[in-house]
């Protein structure tokens, strides 16, 4: 599978290993576009998600 072009990808589901469930979780914490993931720390995002689901 060819990696998506970081500059043109517009859907979370177009990223490798991102399906409907993960994209739903990302949207829950305000990540609705792949560009919003750039520079983010995975552990911090997990913490945000954990706090939202409590």
PDB file of N, CA and C in Angstrom:
ATOM      1  N   UNK A   1       0.846  -1.189   0.000  1.00  0.00           N
ATOM      2  CA  UNK A   1       0.000   0.000   0.000  1.00  0.00           C
ATOM      3  C   UNK A   1       0.883   1.241   0.000  1.00  0.00           C
ATOM      4  N   UNK A   2       0.572   2.154  -0.889  1.00  0.00           N
ATOM      5  CA  UNK A   2       1.332   3.394  -0.994  1.00  0.00           C
ATOM      6  C   UNK A   2       0.924   4.357   0.123  1.00  0.00           C
ATOM      7  N   UNK A   3       1.922   4.975   0.735  1.00  0.00           N
ATOM      8  CA  UNK A   3       1.655   5.947   1.797  1.00  0.00           C
ATOM      9  C   UNK A   3       0.962   7.172   1.205  1.00  0.00           C
ATOM     10  N   UNK A   4      -0.004   7.735   1.926  1.00  0.00           N
ATOM     11  CA  UNK A   4      -0.695   8.932   1.425  1.00  0.00           C
ATOM     12  C   UNK A   4       0.235  10.146   1.437  1.00  0.00           C
ATOM     13  N   UNK A   5      -0.028  11.063   0.542  1.00  0.00           N
ATOM     14  CA  UNK A   5       0.739  12.310   0.477  1.00  0.00           C
ATOM     15  C   UNK A   5       0.304  13.205   1.626  1.00  0.00           C
ATOM     16  N   UNK A   6       1.221  13.510   2.522  1.00  0.00           N
ATOM     17  CA  UNK A   6       0.899  14.309   3.716  1.00  0.00           C
ATOM     18  C   UNK A   6       0.316  15.668   3.382  1.00  0.00           C
ATOM     19  N   UNK A   7       0.657  16.218   2.219  1.00  0.00           N
ATOM     20  CA  UNK A   7       0.190  17.555   1.866  1.00  0.00           C
ATOM     21  C   UNK A   7      -1.225  17.561   1.293  1.00  0.00           C
ATOM     22  N   UNK A   8      -1.678  16.412   0.772  1.00  0.00           N
ATOM     23  CA  UNK A   8      -2.975  16.411   0.105  1.00  0.00           C
ATOM     24  C   UNK A   8      -4.032  15.550   0.775  1.00  0.00           C
ATOM     25  N   UNK A   9      -3.655  14.690   1.708  1.00  0.00           N
ATOM     26  CA  UNK A   9      -4.644  13.832   2.360  1.00  0.00           C
ATOM     27  C   UNK A   9      -5.609  14.689   3.169  1.00  0.00           C
ATOM     28  N   UNK A  10      -6.916  14.409   3.033  1.00  0.00           N
ATOM     29  CA  UNK A  10      -7.897  15.262   3.696  1.00  0.00           C
ATOM     30  C   UNK A  10      -8.830  14.496   4.632  1.00  0.00           C
ATOM     31  N   UNK A  11      -8.743  13.186   4.661  1.00  0.00           N
ATOM     32  CA  UNK A  11      -9.592  12.378   5.524  1.00  0.00           C
ATOM     33  C   UNK A  11      -8.745  11.575   6.492  1.00  0.00           C
ATOM     34  N   UNK A  12      -9.154  11.511   7.742  1.00  0.00           N
ATOM     35  CA  UNK A  12      -8.423  10.730   8.736  1.00  0.00           C
ATOM     36  C   UNK A  12      -8.323   9.271   8.318  1.00  0.00           C
ATOM     37  N   UNK A  13      -9.409   8.733   7.755  1.00  0.00           N
ATOM     38  CA  UNK A  13      -9.436   7.333   7.366  1.00  0.00           C
ATOM     39  C   UNK A  13      -8.470   6.998   6.231  1.00  0.00           C
ATOM     40  N   UNK A  14      -7.947   8.009   5.562  1.00  0.00           N
ATOM     41  CA  UNK A  14      -6.978   7.782   4.490  1.00  0.00           C
ATOM     42  C   UNK A  14      -5.582   7.513   5.041  1.00  0.00           C
ATOM     43  N   UNK A  15      -5.384   7.744   6.326  1.00  0.00           N
ATOM     44  CA  UNK A  15      -4.091   7.484   6.964  1.00  0.00           C
ATOM     45  C   UNK A  15      -3.959   6.002   7.292  1.00  0.00           C
ATOM     46  N   UNK A  16      -2.748   5.474   7.243  1.00  0.00           N
ATOM     47  CA  UNK A  16      -2.556   4.063   7.587  1.00  0.00           C
ATOM     48  C   UNK A  16      -2.997   3.771   9.028  1.00  0.00           C
ATOM     49  N   UNK A  17      -3.669   2.657   9.208  1.00  0.00           N
ATOM     50  CA  UNK A  17      -4.117   2.167  10.514  1.00  0.00           C
ATOM     51  C   UNK A  17      -5.160   3.043  11.199  1.00  0.00           C
ATOM     52  N   UNK A  18      -5.804   3.939  10.462  1.00  0.00           N
ATOM     53  CA  UNK A  18      -6.880   4.760  11.017  1.00  0.00           C
ATOM     54  C   UNK A  18      -8.184   4.314  10.374  1.00  0.00           C
ATOM     55  N   UNK A  19      -9.032   3.724  11.188  1.00  0.00           N
ATOM     56  CA  UNK A  19     -10.344   3.288  10.719  1.00  0.00           C
ATOM     57  C   UNK A  19     -11.432   4.143  11.325  1.00  0.00           C
ATOM     58  N   UNK A  20     -12.660   3.645  11.223  1.00  0.00           N
ATOM     59  CA  UNK A  20     -13.805   4.416  11.714  1.00  0.00           C
ATOM     60  C   UNK A  20     -13.745   4.658  13.221  1.00  0.00           C
ATOM     61  N   UNK A  21     -13.346   3.649  13.989  1.00  0.00           N
ATOM     62  CA  UNK A  21     -13.325   3.793  15.456  1.00  0.00           C
ATOM     63  C   UNK A  21     -12.278   4.805  15.905  1.00  0.00           C
ATOM     64  N   UNK A  22     -11.078   4.711  15.348  1.00  0.00           N
ATOM     65  CA  UNK A  22     -10.009   5.644  15.737  1.00  0.00           C
ATOM     66  C   UNK A  22     -10.342   7.060  15.270  1.00  0.00           C
ATOM     67  N   UNK A  23     -10.880   7.192  14.060  1.00  0.00           N
ATOM     68  CA  UNK A  23     -11.223   8.538  13.588  1.00  0.00           C
ATOM     69  C   UNK A  23     -12.322   9.152  14.453  1.00  0.00           C
ATOM     70  N   UNK A  24     -13.253   8.336  14.940  1.00  0.00           N
ATOM     71  CA  UNK A  24     -14.293   8.834  15.851  1.00  0.00           C
ATOM     72  C   UNK A  24     -13.664   9.342  17.146  1.00  0.00           C
ATOM     73  N   UNK A  25     -12.714   8.573  17.691  1.00  0.00           N
ATOM     74  CA  UNK A  25     -12.021   8.999  18.911  1.00  0.00           C
ATOM     75  C   UNK A  25     -11.243  10.284  18.691  1.00  0.00           C
ATOM     76  N   UNK A  26     -10.587  10.395  17.557  1.00  0.00           N
ATOM     77  CA  UNK A  26      -9.821  11.615  17.261  1.00  0.00           C
ATOM     78  C   UNK A  26     -10.745  12.819  17.151  1.00  0.00           C
ATOM     79  N   UNK A  27     -11.875  12.638  16.504  1.00  0.00           N
ATOM     80  CA  UNK A  27     -12.833  13.748  16.388  1.00  0.00           C
ATOM     81  C   UNK A  27     -13.365  14.172  17.759  1.00  0.00           C
ATOM     82  N   UNK A  28     -13.500  13.214  18.648  1.00  0.00           N
ATOM     83  CA  UNK A  28     -13.972  13.507  20.002  1.00  0.00           C
ATOM     84  C   UNK A  28     -13.043  14.485  20.728  1.00  0.00           C
ATOM     85  N   UNK A  29     -11.752  14.443  20.399  1.00  0.00           N
ATOM     86  CA  UNK A  29     -10.795  15.353  21.052  1.00  0.00           C
ATOM     87  C   UNK A  29     -10.382  16.519  20.141  1.00  0.00           C
ATOM     88  N   UNK A  30     -11.157  16.738  19.071  1.00  0.00           N
ATOM     89  CA  UNK A  30     -10.939  17.919  18.240  1.00  0.00           C
ATOM     90  C   UNK A  30     -10.028  17.735  17.042  1.00  0.00           C
ATOM     91  N   UNK A  31      -9.622  16.512  16.764  1.00  0.00           N
ATOM     92  CA  UNK A  31      -8.776  16.244  15.590  1.00  0.00           C
ATOM     93  C   UNK A  31      -9.703  15.783  14.476  1.00  0.00           C
ATOM     94  N   UNK A  32     -10.001  16.673  13.526  1.00  0.00           N
ATOM     95  CA  UNK A  32     -10.921  16.314  12.447  1.00  0.00           C
ATOM     96  C   UNK A  32     -10.258  16.334  11.065  1.00  0.00           C
ATOM     97  N   UNK A  33      -8.960  16.572  11.048  1.00  0.00           N
ATOM     98  CA  UNK A  33      -8.213  16.615   9.788  1.00  0.00           C
ATOM     99  C   UNK A  33      -6.803  16.102  10.048  1.00  0.00           C
ATOM    100  N   UNK A  34      -6.241  15.348   9.114  1.00  0.00           N
ATOM    101  CA  UNK A  34      -4.897  14.798   9.317  1.00  0.00           C
ATOM    102  C   UNK A  34      -3.836  15.851   9.639  1.00  0.00           C
ATOM    103  N   UNK A  35      -3.972  17.035   9.108  1.00  0.00           N
ATOM    104  CA  UNK A  35      -2.991  18.091   9.371  1.00  0.00           C
ATOM    105  C   UNK A  35      -2.939  18.459  10.849  1.00  0.00           C
ATOM    106  N   UNK A  36      -4.023  18.256  11.564  1.00  0.00           N
ATOM    107  CA  UNK A  36      -4.069  18.587  12.992  1.00  0.00           C
ATOM    108  C   UNK A  36      -3.278  17.597  13.840  1.00  0.00           C
ATOM    109  N   UNK A  37      -2.844  16.490  13.247  1.00  0.00           N
ATOM    110  CA  UNK A  37      -2.037  15.512  13.972  1.00  0.00           C
ATOM    111  C   UNK A  37      -0.545  15.856  13.962  1.00  0.00           C
ATOM    112  N   UNK A  38      -0.145  16.697  13.052  1.00  0.00           N
ATOM    113  CA  UNK A  38       1.280  17.021  12.911  1.00  0.00           C
ATOM    114  C   UNK A  38       1.793  17.691  14.179  1.00  0.00           C
ATOM    115  N   UNK A  39       2.855  17.128  14.730  1.00  0.00           N
ATOM    116  CA  UNK A  39       3.489  17.686  15.919  1.00  0.00           C
ATOM    117  C   UNK A  39       2.830  17.303  17.233  1.00  0.00           C
ATOM    118  N   UNK A  40       1.781  16.498  17.181  1.00  0.00           N
ATOM    119  CA  UNK A  40       1.088  16.096  18.408  1.00  0.00           C
ATOM    120  C   UNK A  40       1.795  14.918  19.061  1.00  0.00           C
ATOM    121  N   UNK A  41       1.724  14.862  20.372  1.00  0.00           N
ATOM    122  CA  UNK A  41       2.297  13.776  21.149  1.00  0.00           C
ATOM    123  C   UNK A  41       1.220  12.723  21.380  1.00  0.00           C
ATOM    124  N   UNK A  42       1.506  11.481  21.008  1.00  0.00           N
ATOM    125  CA  UNK A  42       0.521  10.407  21.109  1.00  0.00           C
ATOM    126  C   UNK A  42       0.037  10.200  22.541  1.00  0.00           C
ATOM    127  N   UNK A  43       0.930  10.281  23.511  1.00  0.00           N
ATOM    128  CA  UNK A  43       0.527  10.077  24.902  1.00  0.00           C
ATOM    129  C   UNK A  43      -0.370  11.212  25.397  1.00  0.00           C
ATOM    130  N   UNK A  44      -0.104  12.412  24.961  1.00  0.00           N
ATOM    131  CA  UNK A  44      -0.958  13.537  25.350  1.00  0.00           C
ATOM    132  C   UNK A  44      -2.344  13.395  24.723  1.00  0.00           C
ATOM    133  N   UNK A  45      -2.389  12.952  23.469  1.00  0.00           N
ATOM    134  CA  UNK A  45      -3.678  12.733  22.820  1.00  0.00           C
ATOM    135  C   UNK A  45      -4.457  11.637  23.539  1.00  0.00           C
ATOM    136  N   UNK A  46      -3.758  10.583  23.942  1.00  0.00           N
ATOM    137  CA  UNK A  46      -4.402   9.512  24.689  1.00  0.00           C
ATOM    138  C   UNK A  46      -4.979  10.046  26.006  1.00  0.00           C
ATOM    139  N   UNK A  47      -4.225  10.891  26.674  1.00  0.00           N
ATOM    140  CA  UNK A  47      -4.701  11.480  27.921  1.00  0.00           C
ATOM    141  C   UNK A  47      -5.960  12.322  27.700  1.00  0.00           C
ATOM    142  N   UNK A  48      -5.995  13.085  26.640  1.00  0.00           N
ATOM    143  CA  UNK A  48      -7.186  13.871  26.316  1.00  0.00           C
ATOM    144  C   UNK A  48      -8.382  12.953  26.085  1.00  0.00           C
ATOM    145  N   UNK A  49      -8.157  11.896  25.332  1.00  0.00           N
ATOM    146  CA  UNK A  49      -9.238  10.961  25.030  1.00  0.00           C
ATOM    147  C   UNK A  49      -9.719  10.259  26.304  1.00  0.00           C
ATOM    148  N   UNK A  50      -8.796   9.854  27.127  1.00  0.00           N
ATOM    149  CA  UNK A  50      -9.133   9.178  28.392  1.00  0.00           C
ATOM    150  C   UNK A  50     -10.022  10.085  29.249  1.00  0.00           C
ATOM    151  N   UNK A  51      -9.649  11.355  29.338  1.00  0.00           N
ATOM    152  CA  UNK A  51     -10.423  12.300  30.150  1.00  0.00           C
ATOM    153  C   UNK A  51     -11.807  12.556  29.569  1.00  0.00           C
ATOM    154  N   UNK A  52     -11.940  12.535  28.247  1.00  0.00           N
ATOM    155  CA  UNK A  52     -13.234  12.749  27.600  1.00  0.00           C
ATOM    156  C   UNK A  52     -14.179  11.573  27.829  1.00  0.00           C
ATOM    157  N   UNK A  53     -13.606  10.366  27.910  1.00  0.00           N
ATOM    158  CA  UNK A  53     -14.431   9.172  28.031  1.00  0.00           C
ATOM    159  C   UNK A  53     -14.767   8.811  29.475  1.00  0.00           C
ATOM    160  N   UNK A  54     -14.211   9.542  30.433  1.00  0.00           N
ATOM    161  CA  UNK A  54     -14.504   9.245  31.848  1.00  0.00           C
ATOM    162  C   UNK A  54     -15.913   9.562  32.203  1.00  0.00           C
TER     163      UNK A  54
END
